[in-house]
Amino acid sequence: MGEGGRVMFWNRKDYRQKHIQIIIRKENYVESTSFESTDLSFIRFRDEKIPVKLSHNGSNYYATTSIYNLESSGYEVTVVVDGELCYRTRDVEQPMVTFREQMKAINDSFEEMKKRQRELESFNNEEPNLLEIRLKDTDSVPEVWYRGTRVDEGTNGLVDVYMHWHTRDFNKPTELLATLEFIEGTDIDAKRVEVFIDEEGERGSFNLLKDEIDG
């Protein structure tokens, strides 16, 4: 048993990436935070900063704190590393977290990680928008993305962009008209790309700039 009535296990020193879970409890409040790290020094030096998830009025947020600050605020702290209990606060005036409560917090943390991973995979697999136009102010060049590719910077250069959309009227369908013209590439490979979008779909064409000059 460590100092201050705390149980501490500190017998591993290696540099493998570890799955760390911080479980905090105060009365009926239980919260769990998971992250990956090779550094477990925050267990020995309890004033080192760690990320924890907290909730207030139904909203979750993350804060940077330490085991010392949490315990000073009345929280009981449990640290699980790769499924092994490595640290736990013991306060004789406060009952310990039950095994069932700890396992529920661990399972909830795993489910949250899986949910975030699914959301990230869904975002990465999502089809890019057909056309995006952003205008910061009246003096700026519009920022334009066509099918996920920005056409106003880098090796591309915006020449012209136009967008018109009108909602469906009583006896008229929705109106859509967008035109886009930009230069793609540099030197002899540069080409002028023109895109036309309406209710029927999209059509496009391009000409090599060297052909326009030679012509």
N, C-alpha and C. Protein backbone atom coordinates (compact mmCIF):
# COMPACT_ATOMS: atom_id res chain seq x y z
N MET A 1 0.85 -1.19 0.00
CA MET A 1 0.00 0.00 0.00
C MET A 1 0.88 1.23 0.00
N GLY A 2 0.55 2.21 -0.84
CA GLY A 2 1.34 3.42 -0.94
C GLY A 2 0.98 4.41 0.13
N GLU A 3 1.54 5.60 -0.02
CA GLU A 3 1.32 6.64 0.97
C GLU A 3 -0.11 7.14 0.90
N GLY A 4 -0.62 7.66 2.05
CA GLY A 4 -1.95 8.27 2.08
C GLY A 4 -3.06 7.29 1.87
N GLY A 5 -2.84 6.00 2.16
CA GLY A 5 -3.91 5.02 2.01
C GLY A 5 -4.22 4.70 0.57
N ARG A 6 -3.23 4.83 -0.35
CA ARG A 6 -3.48 4.59 -1.76
C ARG A 6 -2.78 3.31 -2.18
N VAL A 7 -3.43 2.60 -3.09
CA VAL A 7 -2.83 1.39 -3.65
C VAL A 7 -2.17 1.76 -4.95
N MET A 8 -0.91 1.42 -5.11
CA MET A 8 -0.19 1.80 -6.32
C MET A 8 0.65 0.63 -6.80
N PHE A 9 0.58 0.32 -8.10
CA PHE A 9 1.39 -0.72 -8.69
C PHE A 9 2.28 -0.04 -9.74
N TRP A 10 3.59 -0.14 -9.54
CA TRP A 10 4.50 0.54 -10.45
C TRP A 10 5.71 -0.36 -10.66
N ASN A 11 5.56 -1.32 -11.55
CA ASN A 11 6.63 -2.27 -11.75
C ASN A 11 6.92 -2.51 -13.23
N ARG A 12 6.43 -1.57 -14.09
CA ARG A 12 6.68 -1.74 -15.51
C ARG A 12 7.35 -0.49 -16.05
N LYS A 13 8.46 -0.69 -16.75
CA LYS A 13 9.11 0.41 -17.43
C LYS A 13 9.50 -0.07 -18.83
N ASP A 14 8.65 0.23 -19.80
CA ASP A 14 8.99 -0.07 -21.17
C ASP A 14 8.39 1.02 -22.04
N TYR A 15 8.61 0.91 -23.32
CA TYR A 15 8.23 1.99 -24.22
C TYR A 15 7.17 1.54 -25.21
N ARG A 16 6.41 0.52 -24.88
CA ARG A 16 5.30 0.12 -25.73
C ARG A 16 4.12 1.07 -25.56
N GLN A 17 3.38 1.28 -26.65
CA GLN A 17 2.17 2.08 -26.57
C GLN A 17 1.14 1.33 -25.73
N LYS A 18 0.56 2.00 -24.75
CA LYS A 18 -0.35 1.35 -23.82
C LYS A 18 -1.73 2.00 -23.89
N HIS A 19 -2.74 1.17 -23.69
CA HIS A 19 -4.11 1.68 -23.60
C HIS A 19 -4.40 2.03 -22.15
N ILE A 20 -4.65 3.30 -21.88
CA ILE A 20 -4.81 3.80 -20.51
C ILE A 20 -6.25 4.26 -20.32
N GLN A 21 -6.84 3.86 -19.21
CA GLN A 21 -8.19 4.30 -18.84
C GLN A 21 -8.14 4.97 -17.47
N ILE A 22 -8.67 6.18 -17.42
CA ILE A 22 -8.77 6.93 -16.17
C ILE A 22 -10.23 6.93 -15.76
N ILE A 23 -10.54 6.33 -14.63
CA ILE A 23 -11.91 6.28 -14.13
C ILE A 23 -11.98 7.14 -12.87
N ILE A 24 -12.88 8.11 -12.86
CA ILE A 24 -13.02 8.98 -11.69
C ILE A 24 -14.43 8.81 -11.12
N ARG A 25 -14.52 8.95 -9.79
CA ARG A 25 -15.81 8.75 -9.13
C ARG A 25 -15.92 9.69 -7.95
N LYS A 26 -17.09 10.29 -7.82
CA LYS A 26 -17.43 11.09 -6.64
C LYS A 26 -18.90 10.85 -6.36
N GLU A 27 -19.20 10.21 -5.25
CA GLU A 27 -20.57 9.85 -4.88
C GLU A 27 -21.18 9.03 -6.02
N ASN A 28 -22.24 9.52 -6.68
CA ASN A 28 -22.90 8.76 -7.74
C ASN A 28 -22.37 9.10 -9.13
N TYR A 29 -21.35 9.96 -9.21
CA TYR A 29 -20.80 10.39 -10.49
C TYR A 29 -19.62 9.49 -10.86
N VAL A 30 -19.73 8.85 -12.04
CA VAL A 30 -18.65 8.00 -12.54
C VAL A 30 -18.38 8.39 -13.99
N GLU A 31 -17.11 8.60 -14.33
CA GLU A 31 -16.74 8.96 -15.69
C GLU A 31 -15.46 8.23 -16.06
N SER A 32 -15.31 7.91 -17.36
CA SER A 32 -14.13 7.18 -17.82
C SER A 32 -13.54 7.88 -19.03
N THR A 33 -12.20 7.92 -19.09
CA THR A 33 -11.47 8.51 -20.20
C THR A 33 -10.42 7.51 -20.68
N SER A 34 -10.29 7.35 -22.00
CA SER A 34 -9.30 6.44 -22.56
C SER A 34 -8.37 7.19 -23.49
N PHE A 35 -7.08 6.82 -23.47
CA PHE A 35 -6.12 7.37 -24.41
C PHE A 35 -4.94 6.43 -24.51
N GLU A 36 -4.09 6.64 -25.51
CA GLU A 36 -2.92 5.82 -25.74
C GLU A 36 -1.67 6.62 -25.37
N SER A 37 -0.72 5.97 -24.71
CA SER A 37 0.52 6.64 -24.32
C SER A 37 1.56 5.61 -23.94
N THR A 38 2.82 6.02 -24.02
CA THR A 38 3.92 5.18 -23.53
C THR A 38 4.40 5.64 -22.16
N ASP A 39 3.87 6.76 -21.68
CA ASP A 39 4.37 7.39 -20.46
C ASP A 39 3.38 7.16 -19.31
N LEU A 40 3.83 6.47 -18.27
CA LEU A 40 2.99 6.24 -17.09
C LEU A 40 3.48 7.03 -15.89
N SER A 41 4.35 8.02 -16.13
CA SER A 41 4.93 8.75 -14.99
C SER A 41 3.89 9.54 -14.22
N PHE A 42 2.72 9.80 -14.83
CA PHE A 42 1.68 10.56 -14.13
C PHE A 42 1.14 9.77 -12.93
N ILE A 43 1.39 8.46 -12.90
CA ILE A 43 0.95 7.67 -11.75
C ILE A 43 1.87 7.91 -10.56
N ARG A 44 3.18 7.90 -10.83
CA ARG A 44 4.14 8.12 -9.74
C ARG A 44 4.14 9.59 -9.32
N PHE A 45 4.19 10.48 -10.29
CA PHE A 45 4.18 11.91 -10.00
C PHE A 45 2.77 12.43 -10.26
N ARG A 46 1.97 12.42 -9.21
CA ARG A 46 0.54 12.63 -9.36
C ARG A 46 0.14 14.04 -9.74
N ASP A 47 1.12 14.97 -9.82
CA ASP A 47 0.81 16.34 -10.26
C ASP A 47 1.04 16.53 -11.75
N GLU A 48 1.46 15.47 -12.49
CA GLU A 48 1.61 15.58 -13.92
C GLU A 48 0.25 15.59 -14.60
N LYS A 49 0.16 16.33 -15.71
CA LYS A 49 -1.13 16.56 -16.35
C LYS A 49 -1.57 15.35 -17.18
N ILE A 50 -2.87 15.11 -17.14
CA ILE A 50 -3.50 14.05 -17.93
C ILE A 50 -4.84 14.57 -18.45
N PRO A 51 -5.33 14.02 -19.59
CA PRO A 51 -6.65 14.41 -20.09
C PRO A 51 -7.74 13.58 -19.44
N VAL A 52 -8.83 14.23 -19.04
CA VAL A 52 -9.97 13.50 -18.49
C VAL A 52 -11.26 14.06 -19.09
N LYS A 53 -12.25 13.18 -19.22
CA LYS A 53 -13.57 13.59 -19.71
C LYS A 53 -14.46 13.87 -18.50
N LEU A 54 -15.13 15.02 -18.52
CA LEU A 54 -16.04 15.41 -17.45
C LEU A 54 -17.39 15.73 -18.06
N SER A 55 -18.40 15.81 -17.25
CA SER A 55 -19.73 16.17 -17.75
C SER A 55 -20.39 17.12 -16.77
N HIS A 56 -21.19 18.03 -17.35
CA HIS A 56 -21.90 19.01 -16.53
C HIS A 56 -23.20 19.38 -17.24
N ASN A 57 -24.30 19.27 -16.54
CA ASN A 57 -25.62 19.60 -17.10
C ASN A 57 -25.88 18.85 -18.41
N GLY A 58 -25.46 17.58 -18.44
CA GLY A 58 -25.74 16.76 -19.61
C GLY A 58 -24.76 16.91 -20.75
N SER A 59 -23.75 17.80 -20.62
CA SER A 59 -22.77 18.02 -21.69
C SER A 59 -21.41 17.47 -21.27
N ASN A 60 -20.72 16.81 -22.23
CA ASN A 60 -19.39 16.27 -21.97
C ASN A 60 -18.33 17.24 -22.47
N TYR A 61 -17.21 17.31 -21.77
CA TYR A 61 -16.09 18.11 -22.21
C TYR A 61 -14.81 17.49 -21.65
N TYR A 62 -13.68 17.86 -22.26
CA TYR A 62 -12.39 17.33 -21.83
C TYR A 62 -11.59 18.43 -21.14
N ALA A 63 -10.86 18.03 -20.11
CA ALA A 63 -10.04 18.96 -19.35
C ALA A 63 -8.68 18.34 -19.08
N THR A 64 -7.69 19.19 -18.90
CA THR A 64 -6.35 18.74 -18.54
C THR A 64 -6.15 18.97 -17.06
N THR A 65 -5.89 17.91 -16.32
CA THR A 65 -5.74 18.02 -14.88
C THR A 65 -4.73 16.98 -14.42
N SER A 66 -4.73 16.62 -13.17
CA SER A 66 -3.80 15.63 -12.65
C SER A 66 -4.51 14.78 -11.61
N ILE A 67 -3.92 13.64 -11.28
CA ILE A 67 -4.49 12.80 -10.24
C ILE A 67 -4.56 13.57 -8.93
N TYR A 68 -3.51 14.35 -8.64
CA TYR A 68 -3.49 15.12 -7.39
C TYR A 68 -4.66 16.09 -7.32
N ASN A 69 -4.91 16.83 -8.42
CA ASN A 69 -6.01 17.81 -8.43
C ASN A 69 -7.36 17.10 -8.31
N LEU A 70 -7.51 15.97 -8.97
CA LEU A 70 -8.76 15.24 -8.88
C LEU A 70 -9.02 14.76 -7.46
N GLU A 71 -8.00 14.19 -6.84
CA GLU A 71 -8.17 13.69 -5.48
C GLU A 71 -8.38 14.83 -4.49
N SER A 72 -7.72 15.97 -4.74
CA SER A 72 -7.92 17.13 -3.87
C SER A 72 -9.34 17.66 -3.98
N SER A 73 -9.99 17.42 -5.14
CA SER A 73 -11.37 17.86 -5.34
C SER A 73 -12.38 16.82 -4.89
N GLY A 74 -11.90 15.74 -4.28
CA GLY A 74 -12.80 14.74 -3.74
C GLY A 74 -13.10 13.57 -4.64
N TYR A 75 -12.41 13.49 -5.81
CA TYR A 75 -12.65 12.37 -6.71
C TYR A 75 -11.80 11.17 -6.29
N GLU A 76 -12.35 10.01 -6.50
CA GLU A 76 -11.59 8.78 -6.39
C GLU A 76 -11.11 8.41 -7.79
N VAL A 77 -9.83 8.12 -7.94
CA VAL A 77 -9.22 7.90 -9.25
C VAL A 77 -8.76 6.46 -9.37
N THR A 78 -9.11 5.83 -10.49
CA THR A 78 -8.63 4.48 -10.81
C THR A 78 -7.96 4.54 -12.17
N VAL A 79 -6.78 3.94 -12.28
CA VAL A 79 -6.04 3.90 -13.54
C VAL A 79 -5.87 2.44 -13.95
N VAL A 80 -6.36 2.11 -15.16
CA VAL A 80 -6.24 0.77 -15.72
C VAL A 80 -5.37 0.87 -16.96
N VAL A 81 -4.30 0.08 -17.01
CA VAL A 81 -3.37 0.09 -18.14
C VAL A 81 -3.38 -1.29 -18.79
N ASP A 82 -3.78 -1.33 -20.07
CA ASP A 82 -3.87 -2.60 -20.80
C ASP A 82 -4.67 -3.64 -20.03
N GLY A 83 -5.76 -3.19 -19.40
CA GLY A 83 -6.63 -4.10 -18.67
C GLY A 83 -6.16 -4.45 -17.27
N GLU A 84 -5.04 -3.88 -16.83
CA GLU A 84 -4.48 -4.18 -15.51
C GLU A 84 -4.63 -2.97 -14.59
N LEU A 85 -5.12 -3.20 -13.38
CA LEU A 85 -5.25 -2.12 -12.40
C LEU A 85 -3.87 -1.66 -11.96
N CYS A 86 -3.56 -0.37 -12.18
CA CYS A 86 -2.24 0.17 -11.84
C CYS A 86 -2.30 1.23 -10.74
N TYR A 87 -3.45 1.83 -10.52
CA TYR A 87 -3.54 2.84 -9.47
C TYR A 87 -5.00 2.95 -9.03
N ARG A 88 -5.19 3.16 -7.72
CA ARG A 88 -6.54 3.35 -7.22
C ARG A 88 -6.47 4.14 -5.91
N THR A 89 -7.28 5.17 -5.84
CA THR A 89 -7.38 5.94 -4.61
C THR A 89 -8.19 5.17 -3.59
N ARG A 90 -7.75 5.16 -2.33
CA ARG A 90 -8.52 4.54 -1.26
C ARG A 90 -8.79 5.58 -0.18
N ASP A 91 -10.02 5.90 -0.04
CA ASP A 91 -10.44 6.87 0.97
C ASP A 91 -11.37 6.15 1.95
N VAL A 92 -10.98 6.07 3.20
CA VAL A 92 -11.77 5.31 4.17
C VAL A 92 -13.13 5.94 4.40
N GLU A 93 -13.28 7.23 4.07
CA GLU A 93 -14.56 7.89 4.28
C GLU A 93 -15.48 7.75 3.08
N GLN A 94 -14.99 7.17 2.02
CA GLN A 94 -15.79 7.06 0.80
C GLN A 94 -15.69 5.64 0.28
N PRO A 95 -16.79 4.97 0.03
CA PRO A 95 -16.73 3.59 -0.44
C PRO A 95 -16.04 3.49 -1.79
N MET A 96 -15.36 2.39 -2.01
CA MET A 96 -14.67 2.18 -3.27
C MET A 96 -15.68 1.95 -4.40
N VAL A 97 -15.25 2.23 -5.63
CA VAL A 97 -16.05 1.90 -6.79
C VAL A 97 -16.18 0.39 -6.86
N THR A 98 -17.39 -0.08 -7.06
CA THR A 98 -17.59 -1.53 -7.15
C THR A 98 -17.00 -2.05 -8.45
N PHE A 99 -16.73 -3.32 -8.48
CA PHE A 99 -16.17 -3.93 -9.68
C PHE A 99 -17.12 -3.76 -10.87
N ARG A 100 -18.41 -3.88 -10.60
CA ARG A 100 -19.40 -3.73 -11.67
C ARG A 100 -19.39 -2.31 -12.23
N GLU A 101 -19.25 -1.30 -11.35
CA GLU A 101 -19.18 0.08 -11.81
C GLU A 101 -17.93 0.32 -12.65
N GLN A 102 -16.80 -0.23 -12.22
CA GLN A 102 -15.57 -0.06 -12.98
C GLN A 102 -15.68 -0.73 -14.34
N MET A 103 -16.22 -1.93 -14.40
CA MET A 103 -16.34 -2.63 -15.67
C MET A 103 -17.31 -1.91 -16.60
N LYS A 104 -18.38 -1.34 -16.04
CA LYS A 104 -19.32 -0.58 -16.87
C LYS A 104 -18.63 0.64 -17.47
N ALA A 105 -17.84 1.36 -16.64
CA ALA A 105 -17.13 2.54 -17.14
C ALA A 105 -16.13 2.14 -18.23
N ILE A 106 -15.45 0.99 -18.04
CA ILE A 106 -14.50 0.52 -19.04
C ILE A 106 -15.22 0.16 -20.34
N ASN A 107 -16.33 -0.57 -20.23
CA ASN A 107 -17.09 -0.95 -21.42
C ASN A 107 -17.64 0.26 -22.14
N ASP A 108 -18.14 1.25 -21.37
CA ASP A 108 -18.66 2.48 -21.98
C ASP A 108 -17.56 3.20 -22.73
N SER A 109 -16.35 3.20 -22.16
CA SER A 109 -15.22 3.85 -22.82
C SER A 109 -14.88 3.16 -24.13
N PHE A 110 -14.87 1.82 -24.13
CA PHE A 110 -14.60 1.07 -25.36
C PHE A 110 -15.66 1.36 -26.41
N GLU A 111 -16.93 1.41 -25.99
CA GLU A 111 -18.01 1.68 -26.93
C GLU A 111 -17.88 3.08 -27.53
N GLU A 112 -17.46 4.03 -26.70
CA GLU A 112 -17.27 5.40 -27.20
C GLU A 112 -16.14 5.44 -28.22
N MET A 113 -15.04 4.71 -27.97
CA MET A 113 -13.94 4.67 -28.92
C MET A 113 -14.38 4.04 -30.24
N LYS A 114 -15.18 2.95 -30.16
CA LYS A 114 -15.67 2.30 -31.38
C LYS A 114 -16.58 3.25 -32.17
N LYS A 115 -17.42 4.01 -31.44
CA LYS A 115 -18.31 4.95 -32.10
C LYS A 115 -17.52 6.03 -32.83
N ARG A 116 -16.48 6.56 -32.17
CA ARG A 116 -15.66 7.59 -32.81
C ARG A 116 -14.96 7.03 -34.04
N GLN A 117 -14.49 5.77 -33.95
CA GLN A 117 -13.83 5.16 -35.09
C GLN A 117 -14.79 4.98 -36.25
N ARG A 118 -16.03 4.56 -35.95
CA ARG A 118 -17.03 4.40 -37.03
C ARG A 118 -17.34 5.75 -37.67
N GLU A 119 -17.46 6.81 -36.84
CA GLU A 119 -17.73 8.14 -37.38
C GLU A 119 -16.60 8.62 -38.26
N LEU A 120 -15.33 8.34 -37.83
CA LEU A 120 -14.18 8.74 -38.63
C LEU A 120 -14.14 7.99 -39.95
N GLU A 121 -14.41 6.68 -39.93
CA GLU A 121 -14.42 5.89 -41.16
C GLU A 121 -15.52 6.36 -42.09
N SER A 122 -16.68 6.69 -41.52
CA SER A 122 -17.79 7.19 -42.34
C SER A 122 -17.43 8.51 -42.99
N PHE A 123 -16.74 9.38 -42.22
CA PHE A 123 -16.34 10.68 -42.78
C PHE A 123 -15.32 10.51 -43.90
N ASN A 124 -14.35 9.58 -43.71
CA ASN A 124 -13.33 9.37 -44.72
C ASN A 124 -13.90 8.76 -45.99
N ASN A 125 -14.97 7.95 -45.85
CA ASN A 125 -15.57 7.29 -47.01
C ASN A 125 -16.66 8.13 -47.66
N GLU A 126 -16.97 9.27 -47.09
CA GLU A 126 -18.06 10.10 -47.61
C GLU A 126 -17.68 10.73 -48.94
N GLU A 127 -18.63 10.74 -49.88
CA GLU A 127 -18.40 11.35 -51.17
C GLU A 127 -18.20 12.86 -51.01
N PRO A 128 -17.20 13.44 -51.69
CA PRO A 128 -17.01 14.89 -51.57
C PRO A 128 -18.17 15.66 -52.19
N ASN A 129 -18.39 16.88 -51.73
CA ASN A 129 -19.44 17.72 -52.29
C ASN A 129 -19.13 18.05 -53.75
N LEU A 130 -20.17 18.21 -54.54
CA LEU A 130 -20.00 18.53 -55.95
C LEU A 130 -19.33 19.89 -56.13
N LEU A 131 -19.84 20.91 -55.42
CA LEU A 131 -19.30 22.26 -55.57
C LEU A 131 -19.43 23.00 -54.25
N GLU A 132 -18.33 23.60 -53.80
CA GLU A 132 -18.33 24.42 -52.59
C GLU A 132 -17.73 25.78 -52.93
N ILE A 133 -18.40 26.84 -52.48
CA ILE A 133 -17.91 28.21 -52.71
C ILE A 133 -17.92 28.95 -51.38
N ARG A 134 -16.79 29.55 -51.01
CA ARG A 134 -16.70 30.34 -49.80
C ARG A 134 -16.13 31.71 -50.15
N LEU A 135 -16.77 32.75 -49.65
CA LEU A 135 -16.32 34.12 -49.90
C LEU A 135 -16.16 34.82 -48.57
N LYS A 136 -14.90 35.15 -48.21
CA LYS A 136 -14.63 35.74 -46.90
C LYS A 136 -15.08 37.19 -46.82
N ASP A 137 -14.84 37.96 -47.87
CA ASP A 137 -15.27 39.37 -47.90
C ASP A 137 -15.34 39.81 -49.35
N THR A 138 -15.74 41.06 -49.56
CA THR A 138 -15.96 41.56 -50.92
C THR A 138 -14.67 41.74 -51.71
N ASP A 139 -13.51 41.77 -51.04
CA ASP A 139 -12.23 41.97 -51.73
C ASP A 139 -11.46 40.68 -51.94
N SER A 140 -11.95 39.55 -51.44
CA SER A 140 -11.19 38.31 -51.50
C SER A 140 -11.57 37.49 -52.72
N VAL A 141 -10.64 36.63 -53.12
CA VAL A 141 -10.90 35.66 -54.19
C VAL A 141 -11.72 34.52 -53.60
N PRO A 142 -12.80 34.11 -54.24
CA PRO A 142 -13.59 32.99 -53.69
C PRO A 142 -12.75 31.74 -53.54
N GLU A 143 -13.00 31.03 -52.46
CA GLU A 143 -12.39 29.71 -52.26
C GLU A 143 -13.37 28.69 -52.84
N VAL A 144 -12.91 27.91 -53.81
CA VAL A 144 -13.81 27.02 -54.55
C VAL A 144 -13.25 25.60 -54.56
N TRP A 145 -14.12 24.65 -54.20
CA TRP A 145 -13.80 23.22 -54.28
C TRP A 145 -14.74 22.57 -55.28
N TYR A 146 -14.17 21.83 -56.22
CA TYR A 146 -14.96 21.08 -57.18
C TYR A 146 -14.67 19.60 -56.97
N ARG A 147 -15.69 18.86 -56.54
CA ARG A 147 -15.56 17.44 -56.23
C ARG A 147 -14.39 17.18 -55.27
N GLY A 148 -14.29 18.02 -54.24
CA GLY A 148 -13.29 17.82 -53.20
C GLY A 148 -11.92 18.42 -53.48
N THR A 149 -11.71 18.92 -54.69
CA THR A 149 -10.41 19.50 -55.06
C THR A 149 -10.52 21.02 -55.11
N ARG A 150 -9.62 21.69 -54.42
CA ARG A 150 -9.64 23.15 -54.43
C ARG A 150 -9.04 23.64 -55.73
N VAL A 151 -9.74 24.56 -56.42
CA VAL A 151 -9.33 24.98 -57.76
C VAL A 151 -8.86 26.42 -57.81
N ASP A 152 -8.64 27.05 -56.65
CA ASP A 152 -8.23 28.46 -56.65
C ASP A 152 -6.86 28.69 -56.04
N GLU A 153 -6.09 27.63 -55.78
CA GLU A 153 -4.78 27.81 -55.18
C GLU A 153 -3.84 26.71 -55.63
N GLY A 154 -2.58 26.83 -55.25
CA GLY A 154 -1.59 25.85 -55.65
C GLY A 154 -1.31 25.91 -57.13
N THR A 155 -1.34 24.76 -57.79
CA THR A 155 -1.10 24.71 -59.24
C THR A 155 -2.36 25.03 -60.02
N ASN A 156 -3.47 25.31 -59.34
CA ASN A 156 -4.72 25.68 -60.00
C ASN A 156 -4.96 27.19 -59.85
N GLY A 157 -5.76 27.74 -60.76
CA GLY A 157 -6.10 29.15 -60.67
C GLY A 157 -7.53 29.38 -61.11
N LEU A 158 -8.30 30.06 -60.27
CA LEU A 158 -9.70 30.32 -60.57
C LEU A 158 -9.82 31.43 -61.61
N VAL A 159 -10.65 31.20 -62.62
CA VAL A 159 -10.92 32.21 -63.64
C VAL A 159 -12.32 32.79 -63.46
N ASP A 160 -13.32 31.91 -63.29
CA ASP A 160 -14.70 32.40 -63.20
C ASP A 160 -15.54 31.37 -62.45
N VAL A 161 -16.49 31.85 -61.63
CA VAL A 161 -17.42 30.97 -60.95
C VAL A 161 -18.76 31.68 -60.83
N TYR A 162 -19.83 30.94 -61.09
CA TYR A 162 -21.18 31.50 -61.01
C TYR A 162 -22.10 30.44 -60.44
N MET A 163 -23.00 30.87 -59.53
CA MET A 163 -23.92 29.92 -58.90
C MET A 163 -25.29 30.56 -58.78
N HIS A 164 -26.33 29.87 -59.26
CA HIS A 164 -27.71 30.33 -59.10
C HIS A 164 -28.58 29.14 -58.72
N TRP A 165 -29.39 29.32 -57.68
CA TRP A 165 -30.33 28.29 -57.25
C TRP A 165 -31.61 28.98 -56.81
N HIS A 166 -32.76 28.44 -57.25
CA HIS A 166 -34.05 29.03 -56.88
C HIS A 166 -34.98 27.90 -56.48
N THR A 167 -35.68 28.09 -55.39
CA THR A 167 -36.54 27.04 -54.87
C THR A 167 -37.70 26.74 -55.81
N ARG A 168 -38.31 25.61 -55.59
CA ARG A 168 -39.43 25.18 -56.42
C ARG A 168 -40.64 26.10 -56.20
N ASP A 169 -41.21 26.61 -57.28
CA ASP A 169 -42.44 27.39 -57.21
C ASP A 169 -43.64 26.47 -57.40
N PHE A 170 -44.83 27.08 -57.36
CA PHE A 170 -46.05 26.29 -57.43
C PHE A 170 -46.11 25.46 -58.70
N ASN A 171 -45.76 26.08 -59.81
CA ASN A 171 -45.85 25.37 -61.09
C ASN A 171 -44.51 25.32 -61.82
N LYS A 172 -43.40 25.54 -61.10
CA LYS A 172 -42.08 25.50 -61.71
C LYS A 172 -41.15 24.63 -60.87
N PRO A 173 -40.28 23.86 -61.50
CA PRO A 173 -39.33 23.03 -60.74
C PRO A 173 -38.20 23.89 -60.16
N THR A 174 -37.42 23.27 -59.33
CA THR A 174 -36.25 23.96 -58.78
C THR A 174 -35.29 24.35 -59.89
N GLU A 175 -34.74 25.56 -59.81
CA GLU A 175 -33.79 26.03 -60.80
C GLU A 175 -32.37 25.90 -60.25
N LEU A 176 -31.49 25.37 -61.07
CA LEU A 176 -30.08 25.23 -60.70
C LEU A 176 -29.21 25.55 -61.90
N LEU A 177 -28.24 26.43 -61.69
CA LEU A 177 -27.28 26.75 -62.74
C LEU A 177 -25.98 27.15 -62.08
N ALA A 178 -24.90 26.47 -62.44
CA ALA A 178 -23.58 26.81 -61.93
C ALA A 178 -22.57 26.64 -63.04
N THR A 179 -21.66 27.58 -63.16
CA THR A 179 -20.57 27.47 -64.14
C THR A 179 -19.26 27.72 -63.42
N LEU A 180 -18.24 27.01 -63.86
CA LEU A 180 -16.93 27.10 -63.22
C LEU A 180 -15.87 27.03 -64.29
N GLU A 181 -14.90 27.93 -64.19
CA GLU A 181 -13.77 27.93 -65.12
C GLU A 181 -12.49 28.14 -64.31
N PHE A 182 -11.51 27.26 -64.53
CA PHE A 182 -10.25 27.39 -63.81
C PHE A 182 -9.12 26.81 -64.64
N ILE A 183 -7.89 27.23 -64.26
CA ILE A 183 -6.69 26.73 -64.91
C ILE A 183 -6.12 25.61 -64.03
N GLU A 184 -5.81 24.50 -64.65
CA GLU A 184 -5.27 23.36 -63.92
C GLU A 184 -3.87 23.05 -64.43
N GLY A 185 -2.91 23.02 -63.50
CA GLY A 185 -1.54 22.69 -63.86
C GLY A 185 -0.73 23.92 -64.25
N THR A 186 0.51 23.66 -64.64
CA THR A 186 1.44 24.74 -65.01
C THR A 186 2.21 24.34 -66.26
N ASP A 187 2.93 25.31 -66.80
CA ASP A 187 3.82 25.11 -67.95
C ASP A 187 3.05 24.54 -69.13
N ILE A 188 3.67 23.62 -69.86
CA ILE A 188 3.06 23.15 -71.10
C ILE A 188 1.87 22.23 -70.85
N ASP A 189 1.74 21.71 -69.62
CA ASP A 189 0.63 20.80 -69.31
C ASP A 189 -0.60 21.54 -68.80
N ALA A 190 -0.51 22.85 -68.64
CA ALA A 190 -1.64 23.60 -68.09
C ALA A 190 -2.83 23.54 -69.04
N LYS A 191 -4.02 23.48 -68.47
CA LYS A 191 -5.22 23.43 -69.29
C LYS A 191 -6.33 24.26 -68.65
N ARG A 192 -7.20 24.77 -69.49
CA ARG A 192 -8.36 25.54 -69.05
C ARG A 192 -9.55 24.58 -68.96
N VAL A 193 -10.12 24.47 -67.75
CA VAL A 193 -11.23 23.55 -67.51
C VAL A 193 -12.51 24.35 -67.33
N GLU A 194 -13.55 23.95 -68.02
CA GLU A 194 -14.86 24.60 -67.91
C GLU A 194 -15.89 23.54 -67.50
N VAL A 195 -16.68 23.87 -66.46
CA VAL A 195 -17.69 22.95 -65.94
C VAL A 195 -19.03 23.66 -65.95
N PHE A 196 -20.05 22.94 -66.40
CA PHE A 196 -21.42 23.47 -66.45
C PHE A 196 -22.33 22.51 -65.68
N ILE A 197 -23.07 23.05 -64.70
CA ILE A 197 -23.94 22.23 -63.85
C ILE A 197 -25.35 22.79 -63.89
N ASP A 198 -26.33 21.92 -64.12
CA ASP A 198 -27.73 22.34 -64.05
C ASP A 198 -28.56 21.16 -63.55
N GLU A 199 -29.90 21.26 -63.71
CA GLU A 199 -30.77 20.21 -63.20
C GLU A 199 -30.52 18.86 -63.88
N GLU A 200 -29.96 18.89 -65.06
CA GLU A 200 -29.73 17.67 -65.82
C GLU A 200 -28.48 16.92 -65.35
N GLY A 201 -27.58 17.64 -64.68
CA GLY A 201 -26.34 17.02 -64.26
C GLY A 201 -25.18 17.97 -64.47
N GLU A 202 -24.01 17.43 -64.78
CA GLU A 202 -22.82 18.24 -65.00
C GLU A 202 -22.14 17.83 -66.29
N ARG A 203 -21.56 18.83 -66.96
CA ARG A 203 -20.82 18.60 -68.19
C ARG A 203 -19.55 19.44 -68.11
N GLY A 204 -18.52 19.00 -68.78
CA GLY A 204 -17.26 19.72 -68.71
C GLY A 204 -16.43 19.55 -69.96
N SER A 205 -15.48 20.44 -70.12
CA SER A 205 -14.55 20.37 -71.24
C SER A 205 -13.26 21.05 -70.82
N PHE A 206 -12.18 20.79 -71.57
CA PHE A 206 -10.93 21.47 -71.27
C PHE A 206 -10.14 21.67 -72.56
N ASN A 207 -9.28 22.69 -72.56
CA ASN A 207 -8.37 22.99 -73.65
C ASN A 207 -6.98 23.20 -73.08
N LEU A 208 -5.98 22.67 -73.74
CA LEU A 208 -4.61 22.95 -73.34
C LEU A 208 -4.28 24.40 -73.65
N LEU A 209 -3.68 25.09 -72.71
CA LEU A 209 -3.37 26.51 -72.89
C LEU A 209 -2.41 26.72 -74.06
N LYS A 210 -1.49 25.78 -74.24
CA LYS A 210 -0.53 25.95 -75.35
C LYS A 210 -1.23 25.90 -76.69
N ASP A 211 -2.35 25.13 -76.79
CA ASP A 211 -3.11 25.10 -78.03
C ASP A 211 -3.82 26.42 -78.27
N GLU A 212 -4.30 27.06 -77.18
CA GLU A 212 -4.97 28.36 -77.31
C GLU A 212 -3.98 29.41 -77.77
N ILE A 213 -2.75 29.33 -77.23
CA ILE A 213 -1.72 30.32 -77.61
C ILE A 213 -1.27 30.11 -79.04
N ASP A 214 -1.06 28.82 -79.40
CA ASP A 214 -0.62 28.51 -80.76
C ASP A 214 -1.69 28.88 -81.77
N GLY A 215 -2.99 28.74 -81.33
CA GLY A 215 -4.07 29.06 -82.25
C GLY A 215 -4.18 30.55 -82.49
